[in-house]
Amino acid sequence: MKKFLFIFALIALISFAFTGIVVAQDIRQQAADLNPMNISGPSDLFANAINIMMAFIGSIAILLYIYGGFLWMSSAGNAEQVGKAKSILIWTTFGAIAMAASYMIVKTVLTKVG
């Protein structure tokens, strides 16, 4: 009878040990589900916000390039419309250069800080 109780206790102990491992893995999975963007600190949150803003501003720049090109092609020799199209294309280019420079500066600072 003692041998049976010993074997039963050993099996129960091993079962509970593996249950703890499964529960720990489940808790890790639940924690990962709560953090889908894998943000580990404020610098990661700031970097993700900057990346989203860069994508939005880049989309606006592409739309402005398309609009400026359309104005130029549809000007039919109208000097005023060509000038407006050139102005849009030039200022969009300056904006894209400023955007890229600011992104490089912020990325460098975030790399050094975080």
PDB file of N, CA and C in Angstrom:
ATOM      1  N   MET A   1       0.810  -1.191   0.000  1.00  0.00           N
ATOM      2  CA  MET A   1       0.000   0.000   0.000  1.00  0.00           C
ATOM      3  C   MET A   1       0.858   1.262   0.000  1.00  0.00           C
ATOM      4  N   LYS A   2       1.972   1.217   0.764  1.00  0.00           N
ATOM      5  CA  LYS A   2       2.864   2.372   0.807  1.00  0.00           C
ATOM      6  C   LYS A   2       3.489   2.619  -0.562  1.00  0.00           C
ATOM      7  N   LYS A   3       3.815   1.529  -1.246  1.00  0.00           N
ATOM      8  CA  LYS A   3       4.401   1.666  -2.571  1.00  0.00           C
ATOM      9  C   LYS A   3       3.414   2.304  -3.533  1.00  0.00           C
ATOM     10  N   PHE A   4       2.147   1.919  -3.451  1.00  0.00           N
ATOM     11  CA  PHE A   4       1.106   2.495  -4.296  1.00  0.00           C
ATOM     12  C   PHE A   4       0.943   3.987  -4.007  1.00  0.00           C
ATOM     13  N   LEU A   5       0.913   4.379  -2.744  1.00  0.00           N
ATOM     14  CA  LEU A   5       0.788   5.790  -2.382  1.00  0.00           C
ATOM     15  C   LEU A   5       1.992   6.597  -2.846  1.00  0.00           C
ATOM     16  N   PHE A   6       3.176   5.991  -2.728  1.00  0.00           N
ATOM     17  CA  PHE A   6       4.386   6.675  -3.187  1.00  0.00           C
ATOM     18  C   PHE A   6       4.333   6.919  -4.689  1.00  0.00           C
ATOM     19  N   ILE A   7       3.941   5.916  -5.459  1.00  0.00           N
ATOM     20  CA  ILE A   7       3.859   6.058  -6.923  1.00  0.00           C
ATOM     21  C   ILE A   7       2.772   7.078  -7.281  1.00  0.00           C
ATOM     22  N   PHE A   8       1.634   7.008  -6.584  1.00  0.00           N
ATOM     23  CA  PHE A   8       0.557   7.962  -6.840  1.00  0.00           C
ATOM     24  C   PHE A   8       1.004   9.397  -6.530  1.00  0.00           C
ATOM     25  N   ALA A   9       1.694   9.595  -5.425  1.00  0.00           N
ATOM     26  CA  ALA A   9       2.178  10.928  -5.050  1.00  0.00           C
ATOM     27  C   ALA A   9       3.211  11.428  -6.058  1.00  0.00           C
ATOM     28  N   LEU A  10       4.074  10.539  -6.533  1.00  0.00           N
ATOM     29  CA  LEU A  10       5.085  10.914  -7.523  1.00  0.00           C
ATOM     30  C   LEU A  10       4.433  11.323  -8.843  1.00  0.00           C
ATOM     31  N   ILE A  11       3.435  10.567  -9.281  1.00  0.00           N
ATOM     32  CA  ILE A  11       2.729  10.910 -10.522  1.00  0.00           C
ATOM     33  C   ILE A  11       1.996  12.244 -10.364  1.00  0.00           C
ATOM     34  N   ALA A  12       1.357  12.465  -9.229  1.00  0.00           N
ATOM     35  CA  ALA A  12       0.647  13.722  -8.978  1.00  0.00           C
ATOM     36  C   ALA A  12       1.621  14.895  -8.958  1.00  0.00           C
ATOM     37  N   LEU A  13       2.771  14.715  -8.338  1.00  0.00           N
ATOM     38  CA  LEU A  13       3.772  15.784  -8.275  1.00  0.00           C
ATOM     39  C   LEU A  13       4.293  16.140  -9.661  1.00  0.00           C
ATOM     40  N   ILE A  14       4.576  15.140 -10.458  1.00  0.00           N
ATOM     41  CA  ILE A  14       5.050  15.387 -11.824  1.00  0.00           C
ATOM     42  C   ILE A  14       3.962  16.064 -12.657  1.00  0.00           C
ATOM     43  N   SER A  15       2.708  15.652 -12.484  1.00  0.00           N
ATOM     44  CA  SER A  15       1.598  16.269 -13.222  1.00  0.00           C
ATOM     45  C   SER A  15       1.459  17.745 -12.875  1.00  0.00           C
ATOM     46  N   PHE A  16       1.559  18.050 -11.573  1.00  0.00           N
ATOM     47  CA  PHE A  16       1.448  19.446 -11.166  1.00  0.00           C
ATOM     48  C   PHE A  16       2.625  20.272 -11.671  1.00  0.00           C
ATOM     49  N   ALA A  17       3.789  19.684 -11.754  1.00  0.00           N
ATOM     50  CA  ALA A  17       4.961  20.413 -12.250  1.00  0.00           C
ATOM     51  C   ALA A  17       4.767  20.796 -13.719  1.00  0.00           C
ATOM     52  N   PHE A  18       4.286  19.863 -14.535  1.00  0.00           N
ATOM     53  CA  PHE A  18       4.063  20.165 -15.944  1.00  0.00           C
ATOM     54  C   PHE A  18       2.897  21.133 -16.135  1.00  0.00           C
ATOM     55  N   THR A  19       1.916  21.087 -15.244  1.00  0.00           N
ATOM     56  CA  THR A  19       0.803  22.033 -15.312  1.00  0.00           C
ATOM     57  C   THR A  19       1.311  23.451 -15.103  1.00  0.00           C
ATOM     58  N   GLY A  20       2.248  23.636 -14.208  1.00  0.00           N
ATOM     59  CA  GLY A  20       2.829  24.949 -13.961  1.00  0.00           C
ATOM     60  C   GLY A  20       3.548  25.468 -15.193  1.00  0.00           C
ATOM     61  N   ILE A  21       4.231  24.613 -15.916  1.00  0.00           N
ATOM     62  CA  ILE A  21       4.925  25.031 -17.141  1.00  0.00           C
ATOM     63  C   ILE A  21       3.918  25.463 -18.199  1.00  0.00           C
ATOM     64  N   VAL A  22       2.846  24.702 -18.356  1.00  0.00           N
ATOM     65  CA  VAL A  22       1.824  25.038 -19.344  1.00  0.00           C
ATOM     66  C   VAL A  22       1.153  26.361 -18.987  1.00  0.00           C
ATOM     67  N   VAL A  23       0.852  26.583 -17.709  1.00  0.00           N
ATOM     68  CA  VAL A  23       0.228  27.825 -17.271  1.00  0.00           C
ATOM     69  C   VAL A  23       1.169  28.998 -17.514  1.00  0.00           C
ATOM     70  N   ALA A  24       2.466  28.820 -17.255  1.00  0.00           N
ATOM     71  CA  ALA A  24       3.431  29.894 -17.480  1.00  0.00           C
ATOM     72  C   ALA A  24       3.505  30.253 -18.963  1.00  0.00           C
ATOM     73  N   GLN A  25       3.475  29.250 -19.837  1.00  0.00           N
ATOM     74  CA  GLN A  25       3.497  29.528 -21.261  1.00  0.00           C
ATOM     75  C   GLN A  25       2.223  30.248 -21.694  1.00  0.00           C
ATOM     76  N   ASP A  26       1.095  29.874 -21.107  1.00  0.00           N
ATOM     77  CA  ASP A  26      -0.168  30.528 -21.428  1.00  0.00           C
ATOM     78  C   ASP A  26      -0.143  31.987 -20.978  1.00  0.00           C
ATOM     79  N   ILE A  27       0.427  32.273 -19.821  1.00  0.00           N
ATOM     80  CA  ILE A  27       0.525  33.638 -19.333  1.00  0.00           C
ATOM     81  C   ILE A  27       1.433  34.459 -20.248  1.00  0.00           C
ATOM     82  N   ARG A  28       2.538  33.879 -20.705  1.00  0.00           N
ATOM     83  CA  ARG A  28       3.421  34.594 -21.634  1.00  0.00           C
ATOM     84  C   ARG A  28       2.699  34.916 -22.943  1.00  0.00           C
ATOM     85  N   GLN A  29       1.905  33.971 -23.421  1.00  0.00           N
ATOM     86  CA  GLN A  29       1.158  34.190 -24.663  1.00  0.00           C
ATOM     87  C   GLN A  29       0.118  35.278 -24.467  1.00  0.00           C
ATOM     88  N   GLN A  30      -0.555  35.283 -23.323  1.00  0.00           N
ATOM     89  CA  GLN A  30      -1.543  36.321 -23.051  1.00  0.00           C
ATOM     90  C   GLN A  30      -0.876  37.687 -22.959  1.00  0.00           C
ATOM     91  N   ALA A  31       0.297  37.744 -22.344  1.00  0.00           N
ATOM     92  CA  ALA A  31       1.024  39.015 -22.247  1.00  0.00           C
ATOM     93  C   ALA A  31       1.457  39.493 -23.632  1.00  0.00           C
ATOM     94  N   ALA A  32       1.886  38.573 -24.484  1.00  0.00           N
ATOM     95  CA  ALA A  32       2.280  38.946 -25.845  1.00  0.00           C
ATOM     96  C   ALA A  32       1.072  39.433 -26.641  1.00  0.00           C
ATOM     97  N   ASP A  33      -0.104  38.856 -26.394  1.00  0.00           N
ATOM     98  CA  ASP A  33      -1.309  39.297 -27.091  1.00  0.00           C
ATOM     99  C   ASP A  33      -1.720  40.703 -26.672  1.00  0.00           C
ATOM    100  N   LEU A  34      -1.386  41.086 -25.440  1.00  0.00           N
ATOM    101  CA  LEU A  34      -1.719  42.430 -24.961  1.00  0.00           C
ATOM    102  C   LEU A  34      -0.788  43.491 -25.532  1.00  0.00           C
ATOM    103  N   ASN A  35       0.346  43.092 -26.090  1.00  0.00           N
ATOM    104  CA  ASN A  35       1.335  44.025 -26.621  1.00  0.00           C
ATOM    105  C   ASN A  35       1.636  43.655 -28.076  1.00  0.00           C
ATOM    106  N   PRO A  36       0.700  43.886 -29.011  1.00  0.00           N
ATOM    107  CA  PRO A  36       0.903  43.431 -30.385  1.00  0.00           C
ATOM    108  C   PRO A  36       2.000  44.186 -31.127  1.00  0.00           C
ATOM    109  N   MET A  37       2.355  45.391 -30.679  1.00  0.00           N
ATOM    110  CA  MET A  37       3.378  46.170 -31.382  1.00  0.00           C
ATOM    111  C   MET A  37       4.770  45.947 -30.797  1.00  0.00           C
ATOM    112  N   ASN A  38       4.892  45.080 -29.796  1.00  0.00           N
ATOM    113  CA  ASN A  38       6.176  44.766 -29.145  1.00  0.00           C
ATOM    114  C   ASN A  38       6.869  46.020 -28.630  1.00  0.00           C
ATOM    115  N   ILE A  39       6.123  46.858 -27.934  1.00  0.00           N
ATOM    116  CA  ILE A  39       6.677  48.079 -27.368  1.00  0.00           C
ATOM    117  C   ILE A  39       7.235  47.748 -25.994  1.00  0.00           C
ATOM    118  N   SER A  40       8.528  48.028 -25.814  1.00  0.00           N
ATOM    119  CA  SER A  40       9.161  47.714 -24.534  1.00  0.00           C
ATOM    120  C   SER A  40       9.471  48.952 -23.708  1.00  0.00           C
ATOM    121  N   GLY A  41       9.201  50.131 -24.244  1.00  0.00           N
ATOM    122  CA  GLY A  41       9.466  51.349 -23.494  1.00  0.00           C
ATOM    123  C   GLY A  41       9.009  52.576 -24.240  1.00  0.00           C
ATOM    124  N   PRO A  42       9.211  53.744 -23.632  1.00  0.00           N
ATOM    125  CA  PRO A  42       8.776  54.983 -24.273  1.00  0.00           C
ATOM    126  C   PRO A  42       9.488  55.265 -25.600  1.00  0.00           C
ATOM    127  N   SER A  43      10.747  54.868 -25.712  1.00  0.00           N
ATOM    128  CA  SER A  43      11.461  55.133 -26.964  1.00  0.00           C
ATOM    129  C   SER A  43      10.871  54.313 -28.118  1.00  0.00           C
ATOM    130  N   ASP A  44      10.433  53.080 -27.835  1.00  0.00           N
ATOM    131  CA  ASP A  44       9.781  52.271 -28.875  1.00  0.00           C
ATOM    132  C   ASP A  44       8.444  52.884 -29.288  1.00  0.00           C
ATOM    133  N   LEU A  45       7.693  53.378 -28.306  1.00  0.00           N
ATOM    134  CA  LEU A  45       6.413  54.020 -28.601  1.00  0.00           C
ATOM    135  C   LEU A  45       6.631  55.267 -29.453  1.00  0.00           C
ATOM    136  N   PHE A  46       7.635  56.067 -29.092  1.00  0.00           N
ATOM    137  CA  PHE A  46       7.953  57.271 -29.847  1.00  0.00           C
ATOM    138  C   PHE A  46       8.411  56.923 -31.263  1.00  0.00           C
ATOM    139  N   ALA A  47       9.224  55.878 -31.397  1.00  0.00           N
ATOM    140  CA  ALA A  47       9.707  55.458 -32.714  1.00  0.00           C
ATOM    141  C   ALA A  47       8.545  54.990 -33.596  1.00  0.00           C
ATOM    142  N   ASN A  48       7.608  54.250 -33.024  1.00  0.00           N
ATOM    143  CA  ASN A  48       6.452  53.803 -33.806  1.00  0.00           C
ATOM    144  C   ASN A  48       5.592  54.987 -34.243  1.00  0.00           C
ATOM    145  N   ALA A  49       5.416  55.968 -33.357  1.00  0.00           N
ATOM    146  CA  ALA A  49       4.643  57.159 -33.715  1.00  0.00           C
ATOM    147  C   ALA A  49       5.327  57.929 -34.848  1.00  0.00           C
ATOM    148  N   ILE A  50       6.650  58.047 -34.779  1.00  0.00           N
ATOM    149  CA  ILE A  50       7.406  58.736 -35.839  1.00  0.00           C
ATOM    150  C   ILE A  50       7.264  57.989 -37.162  1.00  0.00           C
ATOM    151  N   ASN A  51       7.344  56.663 -37.137  1.00  0.00           N
ATOM    152  CA  ASN A  51       7.208  55.880 -38.369  1.00  0.00           C
ATOM    153  C   ASN A  51       5.823  56.048 -38.989  1.00  0.00           C
ATOM    154  N   ILE A  52       4.785  56.103 -38.157  1.00  0.00           N
ATOM    155  CA  ILE A  52       3.428  56.300 -38.675  1.00  0.00           C
ATOM    156  C   ILE A  52       3.299  57.685 -39.305  1.00  0.00           C
ATOM    157  N   MET A  53       3.842  58.702 -38.618  1.00  0.00           N
ATOM    158  CA  MET A  53       3.779  60.066 -39.173  1.00  0.00           C
ATOM    159  C   MET A  53       4.571  60.165 -40.471  1.00  0.00           C
ATOM    160  N   MET A  54       5.724  59.485 -40.549  1.00  0.00           N
ATOM    161  CA  MET A  54       6.530  59.526 -41.772  1.00  0.00           C
ATOM    162  C   MET A  54       5.775  58.886 -42.937  1.00  0.00           C
ATOM    163  N   ALA A  55       5.078  57.814 -42.683  1.00  0.00           N
ATOM    164  CA  ALA A  55       4.295  57.170 -43.740  1.00  0.00           C
ATOM    165  C   ALA A  55       3.175  58.095 -44.211  1.00  0.00           C
ATOM    166  N   PHE A  56       2.511  58.758 -43.275  1.00  0.00           N
ATOM    167  CA  PHE A  56       1.431  59.675 -43.632  1.00  0.00           C
ATOM    168  C   PHE A  56       1.960  60.866 -44.432  1.00  0.00           C
ATOM    169  N   ILE A  57       3.056  61.463 -43.984  1.00  0.00           N
ATOM    170  CA  ILE A  57       3.635  62.620 -44.675  1.00  0.00           C
ATOM    171  C   ILE A  57       4.187  62.196 -46.039  1.00  0.00           C
ATOM    172  N   GLY A  58       4.773  61.017 -46.123  1.00  0.00           N
ATOM    173  CA  GLY A  58       5.254  60.518 -47.409  1.00  0.00           C
ATOM    174  C   GLY A  58       4.122  60.315 -48.408  1.00  0.00           C
ATOM    175  N   SER A  59       2.980  59.851 -47.916  1.00  0.00           N
ATOM    176  CA  SER A  59       1.814  59.685 -48.795  1.00  0.00           C
ATOM    177  C   SER A  59       1.335  61.038 -49.322  1.00  0.00           C
ATOM    178  N   ILE A  60       1.338  62.037 -48.451  1.00  0.00           N
ATOM    179  CA  ILE A  60       0.947  63.381 -48.884  1.00  0.00           C
ATOM    180  C   ILE A  60       1.931  63.908 -49.929  1.00  0.00           C
ATOM    181  N   ALA A  61       3.221  63.659 -49.735  1.00  0.00           N
ATOM    182  CA  ALA A  61       4.225  64.107 -50.700  1.00  0.00           C
ATOM    183  C   ALA A  61       4.004  63.452 -52.064  1.00  0.00           C
ATOM    184  N   ILE A  62       3.706  62.171 -52.068  1.00  0.00           N
ATOM    185  CA  ILE A  62       3.446  61.486 -53.343  1.00  0.00           C
ATOM    186  C   ILE A  62       2.234  62.089 -54.036  1.00  0.00           C
ATOM    187  N   LEU A  63       1.178  62.352 -53.267  1.00  0.00           N
ATOM    188  CA  LEU A  63      -0.015  62.969 -53.854  1.00  0.00           C
ATOM    189  C   LEU A  63       0.293  64.354 -54.420  1.00  0.00           C
ATOM    190  N   LEU A  64       1.130  65.125 -53.721  1.00  0.00           N
ATOM    191  CA  LEU A  64       1.502  66.448 -54.235  1.00  0.00           C
ATOM    192  C   LEU A  64       2.345  66.352 -55.502  1.00  0.00           C
ATOM    193  N   TYR A  65       3.233  65.361 -55.574  1.00  0.00           N
ATOM    194  CA  TYR A  65       4.002  65.158 -56.811  1.00  0.00           C
ATOM    195  C   TYR A  65       3.064  64.825 -57.973  1.00  0.00           C
ATOM    196  N   ILE A  66       2.097  63.967 -57.719  1.00  0.00           N
ATOM    197  CA  ILE A  66       1.149  63.603 -58.777  1.00  0.00           C
ATOM    198  C   ILE A  66       0.336  64.823 -59.200  1.00  0.00           C
ATOM    199  N   TYR A  67      -0.126  65.603 -58.229  1.00  0.00           N
ATOM    200  CA  TYR A  67      -0.909  66.801 -58.532  1.00  0.00           C
ATOM    201  C   TYR A  67      -0.081  67.831 -59.316  1.00  0.00           C
ATOM    202  N   GLY A  68       1.154  68.049 -58.889  1.00  0.00           N
ATOM    203  CA  GLY A  68       2.024  68.989 -59.601  1.00  0.00           C
ATOM    204  C   GLY A  68       2.316  68.532 -61.023  1.00  0.00           C
ATOM    205  N   GLY A  69       2.573  67.254 -61.196  1.00  0.00           N
ATOM    206  CA  GLY A  69       2.804  66.716 -62.539  1.00  0.00           C
ATOM    207  C   GLY A  69       1.571  66.828 -63.422  1.00  0.00           C
ATOM    208  N   PHE A  70       0.407  66.578 -62.835  1.00  0.00           N
ATOM    209  CA  PHE A  70      -0.835  66.705 -63.593  1.00  0.00           C
ATOM    210  C   PHE A  70      -1.071  68.155 -64.022  1.00  0.00           C
ATOM    211  N   LEU A  71      -0.812  69.087 -63.085  1.00  0.00           N
ATOM    212  CA  LEU A  71      -0.964  70.509 -63.444  1.00  0.00           C
ATOM    213  C   LEU A  71      -0.032  70.891 -64.588  1.00  0.00           C
ATOM    214  N   TRP A  72       1.188  70.429 -64.527  1.00  0.00           N
ATOM    215  CA  TRP A  72       2.163  70.773 -65.552  1.00  0.00           C
ATOM    216  C   TRP A  72       1.740  70.186 -66.907  1.00  0.00           C
ATOM    217  N   MET A  73       1.326  68.919 -66.899  1.00  0.00           N
ATOM    218  CA  MET A  73       0.964  68.279 -68.165  1.00  0.00           C
ATOM    219  C   MET A  73      -0.331  68.836 -68.750  1.00  0.00           C
ATOM    220  N   SER A  74      -1.203  69.318 -67.904  1.00  0.00           N
ATOM    221  CA  SER A  74      -2.478  69.831 -68.402  1.00  0.00           C
ATOM    222  C   SER A  74      -2.486  71.354 -68.561  1.00  0.00           C
ATOM    223  N   SER A  75      -1.318  71.977 -68.447  1.00  0.00           N
ATOM    224  CA  SER A  75      -1.263  73.441 -68.523  1.00  0.00           C
ATOM    225  C   SER A  75      -1.504  73.962 -69.937  1.00  0.00           C
ATOM    226  N   ALA A  76      -1.214  73.185 -70.943  1.00  0.00           N
ATOM    227  CA  ALA A  76      -1.411  73.565 -72.343  1.00  0.00           C
ATOM    228  C   ALA A  76      -0.713  74.881 -72.683  1.00  0.00           C
ATOM    229  N   GLY A  77       0.475  75.057 -72.126  1.00  0.00           N
ATOM    230  CA  GLY A  77       1.260  76.250 -72.442  1.00  0.00           C
ATOM    231  C   GLY A  77       0.940  77.454 -71.572  1.00  0.00           C
ATOM    232  N   ASN A  78       0.034  77.343 -70.650  1.00  0.00           N
ATOM    233  CA  ASN A  78      -0.318  78.445 -69.758  1.00  0.00           C
ATOM    234  C   ASN A  78       0.826  78.642 -68.757  1.00  0.00           C
ATOM    235  N   ALA A  79       1.516  79.776 -68.872  1.00  0.00           N
ATOM    236  CA  ALA A  79       2.706  80.020 -68.052  1.00  0.00           C
ATOM    237  C   ALA A  79       2.368  80.095 -66.561  1.00  0.00           C
ATOM    238  N   GLU A  80       1.205  80.614 -66.243  1.00  0.00           N
ATOM    239  CA  GLU A  80       0.820  80.733 -64.833  1.00  0.00           C
ATOM    240  C   GLU A  80       0.632  79.354 -64.195  1.00  0.00           C
ATOM    241  N   GLN A  81      -0.005  78.444 -64.937  1.00  0.00           N
ATOM    242  CA  GLN A  81      -0.239  77.099 -64.415  1.00  0.00           C
ATOM    243  C   GLN A  81       1.073  76.307 -64.344  1.00  0.00           C
ATOM    244  N   VAL A  82       1.970  76.516 -65.315  1.00  0.00           N
ATOM    245  CA  VAL A  82       3.281  75.865 -65.265  1.00  0.00           C
ATOM    246  C   VAL A  82       4.062  76.356 -64.051  1.00  0.00           C
ATOM    247  N   GLY A  83       4.005  77.648 -63.779  1.00  0.00           N
ATOM    248  CA  GLY A  83       4.682  78.210 -62.612  1.00  0.00           C
ATOM    249  C   GLY A  83       4.131  77.644 -61.312  1.00  0.00           C
ATOM    250  N   LYS A  84       2.803  77.486 -61.249  1.00  0.00           N
ATOM    251  CA  LYS A  84       2.186  76.898 -60.056  1.00  0.00           C
ATOM    252  C   LYS A  84       2.630  75.451 -59.889  1.00  0.00           C
ATOM    253  N   ALA A  85       2.683  74.695 -60.993  1.00  0.00           N
ATOM    254  CA  ALA A  85       3.106  73.296 -60.935  1.00  0.00           C
ATOM    255  C   ALA A  85       4.564  73.183 -60.500  1.00  0.00           C
ATOM    256  N   LYS A  86       5.430  74.050 -61.043  1.00  0.00           N
ATOM    257  CA  LYS A  86       6.846  74.052 -60.649  1.00  0.00           C
ATOM    258  C   LYS A  86       6.983  74.366 -59.164  1.00  0.00           C
ATOM    259  N   SER A  87       6.210  75.343 -58.704  1.00  0.00           N
ATOM    260  CA  SER A  87       6.258  75.720 -57.292  1.00  0.00           C
ATOM    261  C   SER A  87       5.848  74.541 -56.401  1.00  0.00           C
ATOM    262  N   ILE A  88       4.789  73.839 -56.779  1.00  0.00           N
ATOM    263  CA  ILE A  88       4.344  72.674 -55.996  1.00  0.00           C
ATOM    264  C   ILE A  88       5.426  71.605 -55.973  1.00  0.00           C
ATOM    265  N   LEU A  89       6.017  71.321 -57.132  1.00  0.00           N
ATOM    266  CA  LEU A  89       7.049  70.280 -57.197  1.00  0.00           C
ATOM    267  C   LEU A  89       8.299  70.676 -56.411  1.00  0.00           C
ATOM    268  N   ILE A  90       8.707  71.923 -56.499  1.00  0.00           N
ATOM    269  CA  ILE A  90       9.910  72.376 -55.787  1.00  0.00           C
ATOM    270  C   ILE A  90       9.688  72.326 -54.280  1.00  0.00           C
ATOM    271  N   TRP A  91       8.557  72.860 -53.794  1.00  0.00           N
ATOM    272  CA  TRP A  91       8.314  72.893 -52.359  1.00  0.00           C
ATOM    273  C   TRP A  91       8.044  71.498 -51.795  1.00  0.00           C
ATOM    274  N   THR A  92       7.472  70.631 -52.593  1.00  0.00           N
ATOM    275  CA  THR A  92       7.294  69.242 -52.155  1.00  0.00           C
ATOM    276  C   THR A  92       8.653  68.561 -52.015  1.00  0.00           C
ATOM    277  N   THR A  93       9.565  68.850 -52.935  1.00  0.00           N
ATOM    278  CA  THR A  93      10.915  68.288 -52.845  1.00  0.00           C
ATOM    279  C   THR A  93      11.636  68.805 -51.604  1.00  0.00           C
ATOM    280  N   PHE A  94      11.535  70.113 -51.342  1.00  0.00           N
ATOM    281  CA  PHE A  94      12.144  70.664 -50.125  1.00  0.00           C
ATOM    282  C   PHE A  94      11.532  70.035 -48.876  1.00  0.00           C
ATOM    283  N   GLY A  95      10.231  69.844 -48.885  1.00  0.00           N
ATOM    284  CA  GLY A  95       9.562  69.206 -47.749  1.00  0.00           C
ATOM    285  C   GLY A  95      10.019  67.770 -47.543  1.00  0.00           C
ATOM    286  N   ALA A  96      10.190  67.038 -48.654  1.00  0.00           N
ATOM    287  CA  ALA A  96      10.651  65.649 -48.546  1.00  0.00           C
ATOM    288  C   ALA A  96      12.083  65.578 -48.020  1.00  0.00           C
ATOM    289  N   ILE A  97      12.924  66.526 -48.444  1.00  0.00           N
ATOM    290  CA  ILE A  97      14.300  66.568 -47.944  1.00  0.00           C
ATOM    291  C   ILE A  97      14.310  66.900 -46.451  1.00  0.00           C
ATOM    292  N   ALA A  98      13.495  67.877 -46.040  1.00  0.00           N
ATOM    293  CA  ALA A  98      13.406  68.225 -44.619  1.00  0.00           C
ATOM    294  C   ALA A  98      12.862  67.062 -43.803  1.00  0.00           C
ATOM    295  N   MET A  99      11.888  66.353 -44.363  1.00  0.00           N
ATOM    296  CA  MET A  99      11.313  65.204 -43.686  1.00  0.00           C
ATOM    297  C   MET A  99      12.356  64.102 -43.505  1.00  0.00           C
ATOM    298  N   ALA A 100      13.128  63.826 -44.534  1.00  0.00           N
ATOM    299  CA  ALA A 100      14.163  62.789 -44.438  1.00  0.00           C
ATOM    300  C   ALA A 100      15.256  63.192 -43.446  1.00  0.00           C
ATOM    301  N   ALA A 101      15.639  64.472 -43.463  1.00  0.00           N
ATOM    302  CA  ALA A 101      16.671  64.936 -42.532  1.00  0.00           C
ATOM    303  C   ALA A 101      16.186  64.850 -41.089  1.00  0.00           C
ATOM    304  N   SER A 102      14.953  65.262 -40.844  1.00  0.00           N
ATOM    305  CA  SER A 102      14.436  65.191 -39.480  1.00  0.00           C
ATOM    306  C   SER A 102      14.296  63.741 -39.029  1.00  0.00           C
ATOM    307  N   TYR A 103      13.908  62.861 -39.937  1.00  0.00           N
ATOM    308  CA  TYR A 103      13.800  61.440 -39.597  1.00  0.00           C
ATOM    309  C   TYR A 103      15.166  60.874 -39.209  1.00  0.00           C
ATOM    310  N   MET A 104      16.200  61.234 -39.965  1.00  0.00           N
ATOM    311  CA  MET A 104      17.545  60.743 -39.638  1.00  0.00           C
ATOM    312  C   MET A 104      18.011  61.269 -38.283  1.00  0.00           C
ATOM    313  N   ILE A 105      17.717  62.533 -37.986  1.00  0.00           N
ATOM    314  CA  ILE A 105      18.117  63.106 -36.705  1.00  0.00           C
ATOM    315  C   ILE A 105      17.392  62.407 -35.552  1.00  0.00           C
ATOM    316  N   VAL A 106      16.075  62.247 -35.684  1.00  0.00           N
ATOM    317  CA  VAL A 106      15.299  61.602 -34.620  1.00  0.00           C
ATOM    318  C   VAL A 106      15.718  60.152 -34.453  1.00  0.00           C
ATOM    319  N   LYS A 107      15.953  59.454 -35.540  1.00  0.00           N
ATOM    320  CA  LYS A 107      16.364  58.040 -35.467  1.00  0.00           C
ATOM    321  C   LYS A 107      17.720  57.911 -34.772  1.00  0.00           C
ATOM    322  N   THR A 108      18.646  58.834 -35.058  1.00  0.00           N
ATOM    323  CA  THR A 108      19.955  58.820 -34.412  1.00  0.00           C
ATOM    324  C   THR A 108      19.819  59.076 -32.920  1.00  0.00           C
ATOM    325  N   VAL A 109      18.989  60.048 -32.543  1.00  0.00           N
ATOM    326  CA  VAL A 109      18.794  60.351 -31.133  1.00  0.00           C
ATOM    327  C   VAL A 109      18.140  59.175 -30.408  1.00  0.00           C
ATOM    328  N   LEU A 110      17.132  58.571 -31.026  1.00  0.00           N
ATOM    329  CA  LEU A 110      16.474  57.420 -30.396  1.00  0.00           C
ATOM    330  C   LEU A 110      17.405  56.224 -30.276  1.00  0.00           C
ATOM    331  N   THR A 111      18.308  56.051 -31.226  1.00  0.00           N
ATOM    332  CA  THR A 111      19.271  54.961 -31.142  1.00  0.00           C
ATOM    333  C   THR A 111      20.239  55.188 -29.979  1.00  0.00           C
ATOM    334  N   LYS A 112      20.652  56.417 -29.792  1.00  0.00           N
ATOM    335  CA  LYS A 112      21.583  56.728 -28.697  1.00  0.00           C
ATOM    336  C   LYS A 112      20.892  56.665 -27.338  1.00  0.00           C
ATOM    337  N   VAL A 113      19.622  57.091 -27.263  1.00  0.00           N
ATOM    338  CA  VAL A 113      18.894  57.121 -25.991  1.00  0.00           C
ATOM    339  C   VAL A 113      18.372  55.737 -25.626  1.00  0.00           C
ATOM    340  N   GLY A 114      17.712  55.091 -26.597  1.00  0.00           N
ATOM    341  CA  GLY A 114      17.027  53.838 -26.283  1.00  0.00           C
ATOM    342  C   GLY A 114      17.810  52.670 -26.685  1.00  0.00           C
TER     343      GLY A 114
END
